[in-house]
Amino acid sequence: MPRADPERRDRIIDAALECVAVDGVAGTSHRKVAARAGVPLGSMTYHFAGMDELLVEAFTRFAATIADAFEKRLATTGSGRDDLVDALVDLIHGDLQRSVSEQVLSYELYTLAARRPEFRAITHDWMRASRVALGRHLDPVTARIVDAYVEGAAMHIALDPEPQTPDVTRDAVRRLIGVPGR
């Protein structure tokens, strides 16, 4: 017998991310997620043993989405160093600035990862994926340095009332990867 609502579990995960983006992890509850997903409250415990399991799945999905965008941006990058610089500037000022919701979700995940190993594992996988994508263009040490810069610069651009310009980011990336300035 087929399930009556085969997408219910996915809707719950998506709704959990929406709730966290609006109310933070602390303000997210089974009741709020169920209401946002349009499912009965009992569906929550049918699909997830508890809020921790739901949050792990939701943040795993979120991190994979961001890692995929990072991968796609770098996969379409030409082989030249200037192409890589342009791609990283576009990533920092475009892809990682797409929405306030994604920024909030990132910061909520970082906070959980600072305290809890199951969420730290998600951020480690995310960082590893970013470094693999960067590793197609850079040596491992430089990939690690650039990955840290990308995350930090994106956060500063999102939160600073006078964020750095793409030209400043371009200069910083050029310096990090050893490309002479123009």
C-alpha atoms as a PDB file:
ATOM      1  CA  MET A   1       0.000   0.000   0.000  1.00  0.00           C
ATOM      2  CA  PRO A   2       1.604   3.320  -1.023  1.00  0.00           C
ATOM      3  CA  ARG A   3       2.073   6.048   1.531  1.00  0.00           C
ATOM      4  CA  ALA A   4      -0.616   8.728   1.352  1.00  0.00           C
ATOM      5  CA  ASP A   5       1.911  11.577   1.462  1.00  0.00           C
ATOM      6  CA  PRO A   6       5.334  10.449   0.225  1.00  0.00           C
ATOM      7  CA  GLU A   7       6.842  13.970   0.381  1.00  0.00           C
ATOM      8  CA  ARG A   8       5.794  14.594   3.985  1.00  0.00           C
ATOM      9  CA  ARG A   9       9.208  13.837   5.484  1.00  0.00           C
ATOM     10  CA  ASP A  10      10.926  16.222   3.053  1.00  0.00           C
ATOM     11  CA  ARG A  11       8.365  18.943   3.777  1.00  0.00           C
ATOM     12  CA  ILE A  12       9.057  18.550   7.487  1.00  0.00           C
ATOM     13  CA  ILE A  13      12.804  18.936   6.929  1.00  0.00           C
ATOM     14  CA  ASP A  14      12.253  22.013   4.742  1.00  0.00           C
ATOM     15  CA  ALA A  15       9.864  23.471   7.309  1.00  0.00           C
ATOM     16  CA  ALA A  16      12.402  22.903  10.077  1.00  0.00           C
ATOM     17  CA  LEU A  17      14.970  24.931   8.135  1.00  0.00           C
ATOM     18  CA  GLU A  18      12.419  27.693   7.573  1.00  0.00           C
ATOM     19  CA  CYS A  19      11.562  27.758  11.283  1.00  0.00           C
ATOM     20  CA  VAL A  20      15.234  27.917  12.288  1.00  0.00           C
ATOM     21  CA  ALA A  21      15.817  30.745   9.804  1.00  0.00           C
ATOM     22  CA  VAL A  22      12.936  32.718  11.336  1.00  0.00           C
ATOM     23  CA  ASP A  23      13.009  31.765  15.037  1.00  0.00           C
ATOM     24  CA  GLY A  24      16.463  30.253  15.569  1.00  0.00           C
ATOM     25  CA  VAL A  25      17.091  26.776  16.895  1.00  0.00           C
ATOM     26  CA  ALA A  26      15.931  27.818  20.367  1.00  0.00           C
ATOM     27  CA  GLY A  27      12.598  29.042  18.992  1.00  0.00           C
ATOM     28  CA  THR A  28      11.930  25.998  16.820  1.00  0.00           C
ATOM     29  CA  SER A  29       9.492  23.400  18.124  1.00  0.00           C
ATOM     30  CA  HIS A  30       7.725  20.320  16.825  1.00  0.00           C
ATOM     31  CA  ARG A  31       4.482  22.268  16.837  1.00  0.00           C
ATOM     32  CA  LYS A  32       5.899  25.155  14.760  1.00  0.00           C
ATOM     33  CA  VAL A  33       7.545  22.811  12.265  1.00  0.00           C
ATOM     34  CA  ALA A  34       4.383  20.717  11.861  1.00  0.00           C
ATOM     35  CA  ALA A  35       2.271  23.830  11.316  1.00  0.00           C
ATOM     36  CA  ARG A  36       4.704  25.247   8.744  1.00  0.00           C
ATOM     37  CA  ALA A  37       4.901  21.877   6.944  1.00  0.00           C
ATOM     38  CA  GLY A  38       1.115  21.513   6.994  1.00  0.00           C
ATOM     39  CA  VAL A  39       1.255  18.112   8.669  1.00  0.00           C
ATOM     40  CA  PRO A  40      -0.333  16.674  11.808  1.00  0.00           C
ATOM     41  CA  LEU A  41       1.807  17.048  14.920  1.00  0.00           C
ATOM     42  CA  GLY A  42       1.969  13.242  15.221  1.00  0.00           C
ATOM     43  CA  SER A  43       3.876  13.099  11.930  1.00  0.00           C
ATOM     44  CA  MET A  44       6.852  14.606  13.679  1.00  0.00           C
ATOM     45  CA  THR A  45       7.441  11.606  15.933  1.00  0.00           C
ATOM     46  CA  TYR A  46       6.567   9.171  13.153  1.00  0.00           C
ATOM     47  CA  HIS A  47       9.358  10.511  10.938  1.00  0.00           C
ATOM     48  CA  PHE A  48      11.893  11.697  13.554  1.00  0.00           C
ATOM     49  CA  ALA A  49      12.792  10.311  16.980  1.00  0.00           C
ATOM     50  CA  GLY A  50      13.124  13.852  18.307  1.00  0.00           C
ATOM     51  CA  MET A  51      14.077  17.407  17.517  1.00  0.00           C
ATOM     52  CA  ASP A  52      17.795  16.575  17.497  1.00  0.00           C
ATOM     53  CA  GLU A  53      17.329  13.999  14.744  1.00  0.00           C
ATOM     54  CA  LEU A  54      15.256  16.450  12.725  1.00  0.00           C
ATOM     55  CA  LEU A  55      17.816  19.225  13.136  1.00  0.00           C
ATOM     56  CA  VAL A  56      20.708  16.948  12.162  1.00  0.00           C
ATOM     57  CA  GLU A  57      18.881  15.948   8.976  1.00  0.00           C
ATOM     58  CA  ALA A  58      17.830  19.513   8.228  1.00  0.00           C
ATOM     59  CA  PHE A  59      21.300  20.968   8.710  1.00  0.00           C
ATOM     60  CA  THR A  60      22.856  18.088   6.760  1.00  0.00           C
ATOM     61  CA  ARG A  61      20.567  18.966   3.844  1.00  0.00           C
ATOM     62  CA  PHE A  62      21.331  22.666   4.199  1.00  0.00           C
ATOM     63  CA  ALA A  63      25.118  22.144   4.300  1.00  0.00           C
ATOM     64  CA  ALA A  64      24.928  19.852   1.263  1.00  0.00           C
ATOM     65  CA  THR A  65      23.011  22.523  -0.642  1.00  0.00           C
ATOM     66  CA  ILE A  66      25.637  25.162   0.103  1.00  0.00           C
ATOM     67  CA  ALA A  67      28.486  22.745  -0.657  1.00  0.00           C
ATOM     68  CA  ASP A  68      26.831  21.889  -3.983  1.00  0.00           C
ATOM     69  CA  ALA A  69      26.612  25.576  -4.920  1.00  0.00           C
ATOM     70  CA  PHE A  70      30.292  25.968  -4.011  1.00  0.00           C
ATOM     71  CA  GLU A  71      31.171  22.904  -6.098  1.00  0.00           C
ATOM     72  CA  LYS A  72      29.159  24.104  -9.098  1.00  0.00           C
ATOM     73  CA  ARG A  73      30.760  27.543  -8.984  1.00  0.00           C
ATOM     74  CA  LEU A  74      34.273  26.076  -8.942  1.00  0.00           C
ATOM     75  CA  ALA A  75      33.516  23.279 -11.418  1.00  0.00           C
ATOM     76  CA  THR A  76      32.663  25.823 -14.106  1.00  0.00           C
ATOM     77  CA  THR A  77      35.793  27.860 -13.435  1.00  0.00           C
ATOM     78  CA  GLY A  78      38.384  28.071 -16.169  1.00  0.00           C
ATOM     79  CA  SER A  79      41.906  26.799 -15.627  1.00  0.00           C
ATOM     80  CA  GLY A  80      43.570  30.191 -15.197  1.00  0.00           C
ATOM     81  CA  ARG A  81      44.299  31.821 -11.872  1.00  0.00           C
ATOM     82  CA  ASP A  82      42.341  34.927 -12.867  1.00  0.00           C
ATOM     83  CA  ASP A  83      39.334  32.678 -13.563  1.00  0.00           C
ATOM     84  CA  LEU A  84      39.656  31.249 -10.058  1.00  0.00           C
ATOM     85  CA  VAL A  85      39.897  34.720  -8.532  1.00  0.00           C
ATOM     86  CA  ASP A  86      36.748  35.797 -10.376  1.00  0.00           C
ATOM     87  CA  ALA A  87      34.903  32.640  -9.309  1.00  0.00           C
ATOM     88  CA  LEU A  88      35.826  33.130  -5.653  1.00  0.00           C
ATOM     89  CA  VAL A  89      34.758  36.789  -5.703  1.00  0.00           C
ATOM     90  CA  ASP A  90      31.442  35.755  -7.273  1.00  0.00           C
ATOM     91  CA  LEU A  91      31.061  33.022  -4.663  1.00  0.00           C
ATOM     92  CA  ILE A  92      31.739  35.359  -1.735  1.00  0.00           C
ATOM     93  CA  HIS A  93      29.721  38.345  -2.961  1.00  0.00           C
ATOM     94  CA  GLY A  94      26.997  36.443  -4.823  1.00  0.00           C
ATOM     95  CA  ASP A  95      26.387  32.812  -3.946  1.00  0.00           C
ATOM     96  CA  LEU A  96      27.055  33.220  -0.226  1.00  0.00           C
ATOM     97  CA  GLN A  97      24.984  36.405  -0.035  1.00  0.00           C
ATOM     98  CA  ARG A  98      21.867  34.975  -1.721  1.00  0.00           C
ATOM     99  CA  SER A  99      19.632  35.243   1.292  1.00  0.00           C
ATOM    100  CA  VAL A 100      19.527  36.313   4.897  1.00  0.00           C
ATOM    101  CA  SER A 101      17.873  32.976   5.679  1.00  0.00           C
ATOM    102  CA  GLU A 102      20.897  31.036   4.434  1.00  0.00           C
ATOM    103  CA  GLN A 103      23.209  33.267   6.442  1.00  0.00           C
ATOM    104  CA  VAL A 104      21.152  32.769   9.599  1.00  0.00           C
ATOM    105  CA  LEU A 105      21.099  29.008   9.023  1.00  0.00           C
ATOM    106  CA  SER A 106      24.886  29.000   8.653  1.00  0.00           C
ATOM    107  CA  TYR A 107      25.375  30.879  11.916  1.00  0.00           C
ATOM    108  CA  GLU A 108      22.867  28.668  13.748  1.00  0.00           C
ATOM    109  CA  LEU A 109      24.732  25.592  12.499  1.00  0.00           C
ATOM    110  CA  TYR A 110      28.100  27.047  13.537  1.00  0.00           C
ATOM    111  CA  THR A 111      26.729  27.694  17.021  1.00  0.00           C
ATOM    112  CA  LEU A 112      25.432  24.140  17.350  1.00  0.00           C
ATOM    113  CA  ALA A 113      28.710  22.765  15.969  1.00  0.00           C
ATOM    114  CA  ALA A 114      30.670  24.660  18.602  1.00  0.00           C
ATOM    115  CA  ARG A 115      28.813  22.745  21.304  1.00  0.00           C
ATOM    116  CA  ARG A 116      27.722  19.405  19.876  1.00  0.00           C
ATOM    117  CA  PRO A 117      29.724  16.746  18.025  1.00  0.00           C
ATOM    118  CA  GLU A 118      26.861  15.574  15.793  1.00  0.00           C
ATOM    119  CA  PHE A 119      26.591  19.069  14.335  1.00  0.00           C
ATOM    120  CA  ARG A 120      30.377  19.487  14.215  1.00  0.00           C
ATOM    121  CA  ALA A 121      30.431  16.429  11.949  1.00  0.00           C
ATOM    122  CA  ILE A 122      28.134  18.282   9.531  1.00  0.00           C
ATOM    123  CA  THR A 123      30.432  21.306   9.428  1.00  0.00           C
ATOM    124  CA  HIS A 124      33.481  19.056   8.969  1.00  0.00           C
ATOM    125  CA  ASP A 125      31.833  17.383   5.976  1.00  0.00           C
ATOM    126  CA  TRP A 126      30.929  20.806   4.595  1.00  0.00           C
ATOM    127  CA  MET A 127      34.501  22.091   5.000  1.00  0.00           C
ATOM    128  CA  ARG A 128      35.891  18.917   3.450  1.00  0.00           C
ATOM    129  CA  ALA A 129      33.630  19.339   0.403  1.00  0.00           C
ATOM    130  CA  SER A 130      34.732  22.965   0.013  1.00  0.00           C
ATOM    131  CA  ARG A 131      38.383  21.993   0.220  1.00  0.00           C
ATOM    132  CA  VAL A 132      37.938  19.221  -2.331  1.00  0.00           C
ATOM    133  CA  ALA A 133      36.406  21.729  -4.744  1.00  0.00           C
ATOM    134  CA  LEU A 134      39.209  24.200  -4.066  1.00  0.00           C
ATOM    135  CA  GLY A 135      41.756  21.381  -4.318  1.00  0.00           C
ATOM    136  CA  ARG A 136      41.052  21.074  -8.014  1.00  0.00           C
ATOM    137  CA  HIS A 137      42.679  24.491  -8.385  1.00  0.00           C
ATOM    138  CA  LEU A 138      44.973  24.860  -5.370  1.00  0.00           C
ATOM    139  CA  ASP A 139      47.395  22.869  -3.253  1.00  0.00           C
ATOM    140  CA  PRO A 140      45.893  21.502   0.020  1.00  0.00           C
ATOM    141  CA  VAL A 141      47.392  24.145   2.324  1.00  0.00           C
ATOM    142  CA  THR A 142      46.281  27.043   0.141  1.00  0.00           C
ATOM    143  CA  ALA A 143      42.848  25.427  -0.281  1.00  0.00           C
ATOM    144  CA  ARG A 144      42.452  25.357   3.508  1.00  0.00           C
ATOM    145  CA  ILE A 145      43.505  28.995   3.831  1.00  0.00           C
ATOM    146  CA  VAL A 146      41.206  30.138   1.028  1.00  0.00           C
ATOM    147  CA  ASP A 147      38.297  28.126   2.439  1.00  0.00           C
ATOM    148  CA  ALA A 148      38.681  29.882   5.802  1.00  0.00           C
ATOM    149  CA  TYR A 149      38.886  33.248   4.062  1.00  0.00           C
ATOM    150  CA  VAL A 150      35.765  32.558   1.985  1.00  0.00           C
ATOM    151  CA  GLU A 151      33.726  31.757   5.112  1.00  0.00           C
ATOM    152  CA  GLY A 152      35.075  34.689   7.087  1.00  0.00           C
ATOM    153  CA  ALA A 153      34.756  37.210   4.263  1.00  0.00           C
ATOM    154  CA  ALA A 154      31.186  36.107   3.527  1.00  0.00           C
ATOM    155  CA  MET A 155      30.294  36.555   7.189  1.00  0.00           C
ATOM    156  CA  HIS A 156      31.894  40.003   7.338  1.00  0.00           C
ATOM    157  CA  ILE A 157      30.131  41.103   4.153  1.00  0.00           C
ATOM    158  CA  ALA A 158      26.794  39.898   5.520  1.00  0.00           C
ATOM    159  CA  LEU A 159      27.163  41.565   8.914  1.00  0.00           C
ATOM    160  CA  ASP A 160      29.311  44.647   8.413  1.00  0.00           C
ATOM    161  CA  PRO A 161      27.294  47.845   7.888  1.00  0.00           C
ATOM    162  CA  GLU A 162      30.059  48.924   5.481  1.00  0.00           C
ATOM    163  CA  PRO A 163      31.082  45.627   3.870  1.00  0.00           C
ATOM    164  CA  GLN A 164      34.198  45.251   1.802  1.00  0.00           C
ATOM    165  CA  THR A 165      33.794  45.710  -1.918  1.00  0.00           C
ATOM    166  CA  PRO A 166      34.362  43.031  -4.545  1.00  0.00           C
ATOM    167  CA  ASP A 167      37.598  44.842  -5.473  1.00  0.00           C
ATOM    168  CA  VAL A 168      38.937  44.439  -1.929  1.00  0.00           C
ATOM    169  CA  THR A 169      37.904  40.768  -1.953  1.00  0.00           C
ATOM    170  CA  ARG A 170      39.571  40.311  -5.345  1.00  0.00           C
ATOM    171  CA  ASP A 171      42.813  41.787  -4.012  1.00  0.00           C
ATOM    172  CA  ALA A 172      42.706  39.557  -0.930  1.00  0.00           C
ATOM    173  CA  VAL A 173      42.057  36.394  -2.951  1.00  0.00           C
ATOM    174  CA  ARG A 174      44.841  37.271  -5.391  1.00  0.00           C
ATOM    175  CA  ARG A 175      47.246  37.657  -2.465  1.00  0.00           C
ATOM    176  CA  LEU A 176      46.122  34.391  -0.871  1.00  0.00           C
ATOM    177  CA  ILE A 177      46.625  32.341  -4.010  1.00  0.00           C
ATOM    178  CA  GLY A 178      49.790  34.126  -5.108  1.00  0.00           C
ATOM    179  CA  VAL A 179      48.507  35.971  -8.156  1.00  0.00           C
ATOM    180  CA  PRO A 180      50.215  39.307  -8.768  1.00  0.00           C
ATOM    181  CA  GLY A 181      47.924  42.340  -8.658  1.00  0.00           C
ATOM    182  CA  ARG A 182      46.850  44.059 -11.824  1.00  0.00           C
END
